[in-house]
């Protein structure tokens, strides 16, 4: 009987190892496909809600191609969370760079900070500030300052309502200041052991004109290799009804991120 249990245990271990190999193969294939993809920042994907303490995570994306043209793309991000019983806060910083034939063609930066005040109800108050520079999406800088209410529907489902002010400058130097409503929905679904799917949607209409709005959906398929290492396949779609000059209204992205928590 003991021998039977040992064989069964080894068989389970082999199945897990084979499953992990398949996951890594899929990740590498998608990463190869996303050579021209951009860095994606999903603010909701890695929140440490309800956990007290200090948390930190480093993630990176890297891709390249060689041939008639040498292309390289990298992205590095850092996330810091500091949570107490009454206040949760986090900071996200990311930098990305693209090169063609060893010459840098563009780079981007993204910084987002958020402060959340908790209470005994399902409603919490949050304040946020954001700075980004992203020529990939045809804007030079975008600064955002806002506040809102976060509603906990259950342990994984959240809805947010808020107000923000946006200061944006495009690559031609045109500036615009816009006040927007900020509405978001986020949820996480457990698909299997150590595998989950997170989905977040944003809708940000102008306060003055409803036809001026930004909308996006971000989905991440997350694999926990162990307690420190995660792999995430991320797909996103952005829509801007009034994009910067010479930019498309819709932008779709795909990427693979490797991250380490410490």
Protein backbone atom coordinates (compact mmCIF):
# COMPACT_ATOMS: atom_id res chain seq x y z
CA UNK A 1 0.00 0.00 0.00
CA UNK A 2 2.85 2.38 0.84
CA UNK A 3 4.53 1.65 -2.50
CA UNK A 4 1.28 2.45 -4.28
CA UNK A 5 1.05 5.83 -2.55
CA UNK A 6 4.66 6.60 -3.47
CA UNK A 7 4.05 5.79 -7.14
CA UNK A 8 0.87 7.86 -7.14
CA UNK A 9 2.76 10.78 -5.59
CA UNK A 10 5.50 10.56 -8.20
CA UNK A 11 2.92 10.41 -10.97
CA UNK A 12 1.26 13.58 -9.65
CA UNK A 13 4.63 15.31 -9.47
CA UNK A 14 5.44 14.32 -13.05
CA UNK A 15 2.06 15.61 -14.23
CA UNK A 16 2.69 18.94 -12.50
CA UNK A 17 6.16 19.17 -14.07
CA UNK A 18 4.76 18.39 -17.53
CA UNK A 19 2.02 20.99 -17.05
CA UNK A 20 4.59 23.59 -16.07
CA UNK A 21 6.69 22.77 -19.13
CA UNK A 22 3.63 23.29 -21.34
CA UNK A 23 2.92 26.61 -19.64
CA UNK A 24 6.49 27.80 -20.17
CA UNK A 25 6.32 26.75 -23.83
CA UNK A 26 3.11 28.72 -24.35
CA UNK A 27 4.67 31.72 -22.61
CA UNK A 28 7.75 31.61 -24.85
CA UNK A 29 5.61 31.34 -27.99
CA UNK A 30 3.47 34.31 -26.98
CA UNK A 31 6.55 36.28 -25.98
CA UNK A 32 8.01 35.63 -29.44
CA UNK A 33 4.78 36.87 -31.00
CA UNK A 34 4.80 40.05 -28.92
CA UNK A 35 8.14 41.40 -30.16
CA UNK A 36 6.49 44.62 -31.23
CA UNK A 37 4.12 44.77 -28.27
CA UNK A 38 4.22 47.54 -25.73
CA UNK A 39 4.53 47.42 -21.98
CA UNK A 40 1.22 47.04 -20.19
CA UNK A 41 0.49 48.33 -16.69
CA UNK A 42 -2.46 46.71 -14.96
CA UNK A 43 -2.89 48.56 -11.68
CA UNK A 44 -5.53 46.18 -10.33
CA UNK A 45 -3.85 42.91 -11.24
CA UNK A 46 -1.42 42.62 -8.34
CA UNK A 47 -3.07 44.42 -5.42
CA UNK A 48 -2.35 42.98 -1.97
CA UNK A 49 -5.72 43.85 -0.51
CA UNK A 50 -6.46 42.63 3.00
CA UNK A 51 -2.82 41.71 3.65
CA UNK A 52 -0.99 43.71 6.31
CA UNK A 53 2.69 44.44 5.80
CA UNK A 54 5.19 45.62 3.21
CA UNK A 55 5.34 43.90 -0.18
CA UNK A 56 7.58 44.40 -3.18
CA UNK A 57 7.70 42.91 -6.67
CA UNK A 58 9.99 43.32 -9.69
CA UNK A 59 8.82 42.37 -13.18
CA UNK A 60 10.35 42.45 -16.64
CA UNK A 61 9.52 41.91 -20.29
CA UNK A 62 12.19 41.30 -22.93
CA UNK A 63 11.97 40.51 -26.63
CA UNK A 64 14.05 40.91 -29.78
CA UNK A 65 14.58 39.84 -33.36
CA UNK A 66 17.60 39.49 -35.63
CA UNK A 67 17.78 39.52 -39.43
CA UNK A 68 17.45 42.32 -41.96
CA UNK A 69 16.68 44.56 -38.98
CA UNK A 70 17.75 44.06 -35.37
CA UNK A 71 14.95 44.97 -32.98
CA UNK A 72 14.96 44.94 -29.18
CA UNK A 73 12.33 45.81 -26.63
CA UNK A 74 12.51 45.69 -22.85
CA UNK A 75 10.34 46.77 -19.95
CA UNK A 76 11.18 46.82 -16.25
CA UNK A 77 8.72 47.59 -13.47
CA UNK A 78 8.72 47.84 -9.70
CA UNK A 79 5.74 47.65 -7.36
CA UNK A 80 5.78 48.56 -3.65
CA UNK A 81 2.81 48.01 -1.31
CA UNK A 82 2.54 49.13 2.31
CA UNK A 83 -0.66 48.07 4.10
CA UNK A 84 -1.97 48.62 7.62
CA UNK A 85 -5.36 47.87 9.14
CA UNK A 86 -6.76 51.28 8.15
CA UNK A 87 -4.64 52.46 5.22
CA UNK A 88 -3.34 50.70 2.12
CA UNK A 89 -0.92 52.30 -0.33
CA UNK A 90 1.12 51.29 -3.33
CA UNK A 91 3.52 52.73 -5.88
CA UNK A 92 4.15 51.39 -9.39
CA UNK A 93 7.08 52.54 -11.55
CA UNK A 94 7.85 51.25 -15.04
CA UNK A 95 10.31 52.09 -17.79
CA UNK A 96 10.42 50.71 -21.34
CA UNK A 97 12.75 51.13 -24.30
CA UNK A 98 12.71 50.15 -27.97
CA UNK A 99 15.77 49.87 -30.23
CA UNK A 100 16.20 49.30 -33.94
CA UNK A 101 19.66 48.35 -35.25
CA UNK A 102 21.17 49.35 -31.88
CA UNK A 103 19.60 52.83 -32.08
CA UNK A 104 17.00 53.81 -29.51
CA UNK A 105 13.81 54.78 -31.31
CA UNK A 106 11.58 55.51 -28.32
CA UNK A 107 11.17 55.00 -24.60
CA UNK A 108 8.38 55.35 -22.07
CA UNK A 109 7.93 55.85 -18.33
CA UNK A 110 4.97 55.30 -16.03
CA UNK A 111 4.55 56.14 -12.33
CA UNK A 112 1.32 55.59 -10.38
CA UNK A 113 0.72 56.09 -6.65
CA UNK A 114 -2.47 55.32 -4.74
CA UNK A 115 -3.62 55.81 -1.13
CA UNK A 116 -6.68 53.94 0.15
CA UNK A 117 -8.48 54.68 3.41
CA UNK A 118 -10.35 51.65 4.76
CA UNK A 119 -13.28 51.39 7.16
CA UNK A 120 -15.64 48.73 8.48
CA UNK A 121 -17.98 49.02 5.48
CA UNK A 122 -17.44 47.74 1.94
CA UNK A 123 -16.77 51.33 0.78
CA UNK A 124 -13.26 52.79 0.85
CA UNK A 125 -11.87 56.17 -0.27
CA UNK A 126 -8.85 56.34 -2.54
CA UNK A 127 -6.63 59.12 -3.89
CA UNK A 128 -4.28 58.63 -6.83
CA UNK A 129 -1.67 60.46 -8.87
CA UNK A 130 -0.07 59.36 -12.14
CA UNK A 131 2.61 60.52 -14.56
CA UNK A 132 3.35 58.85 -17.88
CA UNK A 133 5.37 59.46 -21.01
CA UNK A 134 4.45 57.17 -23.87
CA UNK A 135 5.39 57.95 -27.49
CA UNK A 136 4.27 54.36 -28.30
CA UNK A 137 0.72 55.73 -27.99
CA UNK A 138 1.57 59.13 -29.54
CA UNK A 139 1.47 61.32 -26.44
CA UNK A 140 4.46 63.05 -24.87
CA UNK A 141 3.21 63.32 -21.29
CA UNK A 142 -0.01 62.61 -19.40
CA UNK A 143 -0.49 63.68 -15.78
CA UNK A 144 -3.52 62.55 -13.77
CA UNK A 145 -4.74 63.50 -10.29
CA UNK A 146 -7.94 62.09 -8.83
CA UNK A 147 -9.98 60.53 -6.05
CA UNK A 148 -12.87 58.11 -5.76
CA UNK A 149 -14.74 55.39 -3.92
CA UNK A 150 -13.91 51.69 -4.17
CA UNK A 151 -16.70 49.20 -3.47
CA UNK A 152 -15.97 45.62 -2.45
CA UNK A 153 -18.72 43.46 -3.94
CA UNK A 154 -16.99 40.30 -2.67
CA UNK A 155 -13.43 39.06 -2.11
CA UNK A 156 -12.51 39.32 -5.80
CA UNK A 157 -15.06 41.66 -7.40
CA UNK A 158 -14.55 45.43 -7.05
CA UNK A 159 -16.15 48.52 -8.59
CA UNK A 160 -14.75 52.04 -8.50
CA UNK A 161 -16.28 55.48 -9.11
CA UNK A 162 -14.27 58.70 -9.08
CA UNK A 163 -13.26 62.01 -10.60
CA UNK A 164 -9.92 62.93 -12.16
CA UNK A 165 -8.22 65.83 -13.86
CA UNK A 166 -6.02 65.03 -16.87
CA UNK A 167 -3.24 67.16 -18.35
CA UNK A 168 -2.02 65.75 -21.66
CA UNK A 169 0.55 66.91 -24.24
CA UNK A 170 0.96 65.17 -27.60
CA UNK A 171 4.11 64.79 -29.70
CA UNK A 172 3.31 67.99 -31.62
CA UNK A 173 3.22 70.03 -28.39
CA UNK A 174 -0.58 70.42 -28.26
CA UNK A 175 -1.84 70.51 -24.66
CA UNK A 176 -5.27 69.74 -23.24
CA UNK A 177 -6.78 69.77 -19.75
CA UNK A 178 -9.82 67.57 -19.16
CA UNK A 179 -11.91 66.63 -16.14
CA UNK A 180 -13.18 63.07 -16.37
CA UNK A 181 -15.33 60.62 -14.49
CA UNK A 182 -13.44 57.44 -13.63
CA UNK A 183 -15.35 54.17 -13.55
CA UNK A 184 -13.76 50.73 -13.32
CA UNK A 185 -14.67 47.09 -12.70
CA UNK A 186 -12.24 44.34 -11.77
CA UNK A 187 -12.59 40.66 -10.97
CA UNK A 188 -10.39 37.59 -10.61
CA UNK A 189 -11.34 34.02 -11.54
CA UNK A 190 -9.55 30.89 -10.33
CA UNK A 191 -9.11 28.51 -13.27
CA UNK A 192 -6.92 25.84 -11.69
CA UNK A 193 -4.36 25.40 -8.95
CA UNK A 194 -1.87 28.28 -9.23
CA UNK A 195 -3.64 29.68 -12.31
CA UNK A 196 -6.08 32.60 -12.33
CA UNK A 197 -7.57 35.05 -14.79
CA UNK A 198 -7.90 38.74 -13.90
CA UNK A 199 -10.08 41.12 -15.92
CA UNK A 200 -10.26 44.90 -15.49
CA UNK A 201 -12.27 47.44 -17.48
CA UNK A 202 -12.02 51.26 -17.34
CA UNK A 203 -14.36 53.95 -18.65
CA UNK A 204 -13.38 57.63 -18.39
CA UNK A 205 -15.81 60.06 -20.07
CA UNK A 206 -15.24 63.81 -20.06
CA UNK A 207 -17.39 65.71 -17.58
CA UNK A 208 -18.11 68.38 -20.22
CA UNK A 209 -18.71 66.18 -23.26
CA UNK A 210 -19.78 62.53 -23.21
CA UNK A 211 -18.47 61.92 -26.75
CA UNK A 212 -14.94 62.50 -25.42
CA UNK A 213 -14.04 59.34 -23.53
CA UNK A 214 -11.31 56.76 -22.94
CA UNK A 215 -12.08 53.08 -22.42
CA UNK A 216 -9.92 50.01 -21.93
CA UNK A 217 -10.04 46.35 -21.02
CA UNK A 218 -7.09 44.43 -19.61
CA UNK A 219 -6.91 40.67 -19.07
CA UNK A 220 -4.10 38.75 -17.44
CA UNK A 221 -3.64 34.99 -17.27
CA UNK A 222 -1.42 34.51 -14.24
CA UNK A 223 0.67 31.44 -13.43
CA UNK A 224 2.25 31.09 -9.96
CA UNK A 225 5.43 29.06 -10.40
CA UNK A 226 6.12 29.26 -6.67
CA UNK A 227 5.55 31.74 -3.83
CA UNK A 228 8.08 34.17 -5.35
CA UNK A 229 7.92 33.73 -9.13
CA UNK A 230 4.92 34.54 -11.35
CA UNK A 231 4.37 34.53 -15.10
CA UNK A 232 1.58 36.61 -16.61
CA UNK A 233 0.23 36.62 -20.17
CA UNK A 234 -1.39 40.03 -20.65
CA UNK A 235 -3.74 41.25 -23.36
CA UNK A 236 -5.23 44.72 -23.48
CA UNK A 237 -7.29 46.96 -25.72
CA UNK A 238 -7.44 50.77 -25.41
CA UNK A 239 -9.88 53.13 -27.08
CA UNK A 240 -9.63 56.92 -27.16
CA UNK A 241 -12.49 58.71 -28.92
CA UNK A 242 -10.24 61.76 -29.38
CA UNK A 243 -6.66 60.50 -29.61
CA UNK A 244 -3.58 62.66 -30.11
CA UNK A 245 -2.91 63.90 -33.65
CA UNK A 246 -1.83 61.14 -36.09
CA UNK A 247 -2.72 58.42 -33.56
CA UNK A 248 -5.27 55.64 -34.02
CA UNK A 249 -8.36 55.55 -31.84
CA UNK A 250 -7.83 51.91 -30.87
CA UNK A 251 -4.65 50.25 -29.67
CA UNK A 252 -4.28 46.55 -28.84
CA UNK A 253 -1.33 45.00 -27.04
CA UNK A 254 -0.05 41.60 -25.96
CA UNK A 255 2.90 40.78 -23.73
CA UNK A 256 4.44 38.29 -21.31
CA UNK A 257 5.70 39.39 -17.91
CA UNK A 258 7.99 37.56 -15.50
CA UNK A 259 7.93 38.84 -11.92
CA UNK A 260 9.65 38.10 -8.63
CA UNK A 261 8.26 38.97 -5.18
CA UNK A 262 10.57 39.56 -2.22
